[in-house]
Amino acid sequence: MKVLEKGKPWSKQYKCTGKGNNRVGCGAKLEVYQEDLYETRHEGYDGSTDYYTTFCCSECGAETDIELPSGAEELGSRPSEGERKSRFVGYQRRPE
């Protein structure tokens, strides 16, 4: 097969909120690409597991859960904890 004209890569704009991850996001407006999305999960006390689609803010390292967008098929991999924490300097956990 020959590619005649490359297609446009999938992307969508999101705001860094920290939603679903007990963090305060920085509010940055981000252009998020398909490879920036990855799956996270939460295991409940009852043994149930919930799965989420998440991205990590490139400014502050906060993770934000979103609905899986249509057109996004293959997810990327989660940044290491060290990489996320190195971006998170100066930001804090959400008040409980």
Protein backbone atom coordinates (compact mmCIF):
# COMPACT_ATOMS: atom_id res chain seq x y z
CA MET A 1 0.00 0.00 0.00
CA LYS A 2 1.22 3.50 -0.76
CA VAL A 3 0.39 6.56 1.35
CA LEU A 4 -0.62 9.37 -0.98
CA GLU A 5 -1.12 11.98 1.73
CA LYS A 6 -0.53 11.51 5.44
CA GLY A 7 -3.57 11.79 7.65
CA LYS A 8 -3.84 14.20 10.52
CA PRO A 9 -2.94 12.64 13.90
CA TRP A 10 -5.72 12.55 16.48
CA SER A 11 -5.64 15.30 19.11
CA LYS A 12 -8.02 17.20 21.36
CA GLN A 13 -7.72 20.13 23.77
CA TYR A 14 -8.17 19.52 27.49
CA LYS A 15 -7.63 21.48 30.69
CA CYS A 16 -5.39 20.12 33.47
CA THR A 17 -7.79 19.55 36.39
CA GLY A 18 -6.39 16.57 38.30
CA LYS A 19 -9.93 15.08 38.09
CA GLY A 20 -10.15 11.58 39.51
CA ASN A 21 -6.64 11.52 40.94
CA ASN A 22 -6.86 13.48 44.20
CA ARG A 23 -4.58 16.24 42.87
CA VAL A 24 -4.95 19.93 42.13
CA GLY A 25 -4.32 20.53 38.44
CA CYS A 26 -2.58 23.69 37.25
CA GLY A 27 -5.35 24.70 34.82
CA ALA A 28 -3.09 24.61 31.75
CA LYS A 29 -4.89 24.27 28.41
CA LEU A 30 -3.22 21.35 26.62
CA GLU A 31 -3.26 19.81 23.15
CA VAL A 32 -3.44 16.11 24.04
CA TYR A 33 -2.51 13.49 21.43
CA GLN A 34 -3.63 9.87 21.34
CA GLU A 35 -0.20 8.66 22.50
CA ASP A 36 -0.51 10.92 25.59
CA LEU A 37 -3.50 8.88 26.83
CA TYR A 38 -3.09 5.78 28.98
CA GLU A 39 -5.22 3.51 31.13
CA THR A 40 -5.27 3.76 34.91
CA ARG A 41 -7.31 1.73 37.37
CA HIS A 42 -8.71 1.90 40.86
CA GLU A 43 -9.25 -1.25 42.88
CA GLY A 44 -12.07 -1.02 45.40
CA TYR A 45 -12.20 -2.62 48.83
CA ASP A 46 -14.87 -4.99 47.51
CA GLY A 47 -12.45 -6.36 44.89
CA SER A 48 -13.97 -4.47 41.97
CA THR A 49 -11.75 -2.64 39.50
CA ASP A 50 -12.63 0.56 37.63
CA TYR A 51 -10.63 1.61 34.56
CA TYR A 52 -10.03 5.19 33.41
CA THR A 53 -8.47 7.00 30.47
CA THR A 54 -5.88 9.43 31.81
CA PHE A 55 -3.28 11.96 30.66
CA CYS A 56 -0.37 13.51 32.59
CA CYS A 57 0.04 17.29 32.39
CA SER A 58 3.37 18.26 30.82
CA GLU A 59 3.46 21.41 33.00
CA CYS A 60 2.76 20.13 36.51
CA GLY A 61 2.60 16.30 36.32
CA ALA A 62 -0.99 16.03 37.58
CA GLU A 63 -3.01 13.20 36.08
CA THR A 64 -6.50 13.99 34.76
CA ASP A 65 -9.14 11.36 33.94
CA ILE A 66 -11.27 11.89 30.83
CA GLU A 67 -13.84 9.97 28.81
CA LEU A 68 -12.16 7.92 26.06
CA PRO A 69 -12.59 10.13 22.99
CA SER A 70 -14.02 8.63 19.82
CA GLY A 71 -11.25 8.09 17.32
CA ALA A 72 -8.66 7.35 20.02
CA GLU A 73 -7.86 3.66 19.71
CA GLU A 74 -4.38 2.73 20.89
CA LEU A 75 -3.34 4.23 24.21
CA GLY A 76 0.20 5.20 25.15
CA SER A 77 2.06 4.21 28.32
CA ARG A 78 1.92 5.89 31.71
CA PRO A 79 4.90 8.09 32.64
CA SER A 80 6.95 6.72 35.53
CA GLU A 81 6.13 7.89 39.04
CA GLY A 82 9.47 9.73 39.16
CA GLU A 83 8.71 11.58 35.92
CA ARG A 84 5.24 12.59 37.14
CA LYS A 85 6.61 13.75 40.52
CA SER A 86 9.42 15.77 38.92
CA ARG A 87 6.78 17.84 37.09
CA PHE A 88 4.63 18.18 40.22
CA VAL A 89 6.95 20.45 42.24
CA GLY A 90 4.97 23.34 43.69
CA TYR A 91 1.55 21.71 43.36
CA GLN A 92 -0.35 19.90 46.08
CA ARG A 93 -2.94 17.26 46.88
CA ARG A 94 -6.60 18.24 46.85
CA PRO A 95 -7.91 19.15 50.30
CA GLU A 96 -9.80 16.19 51.76
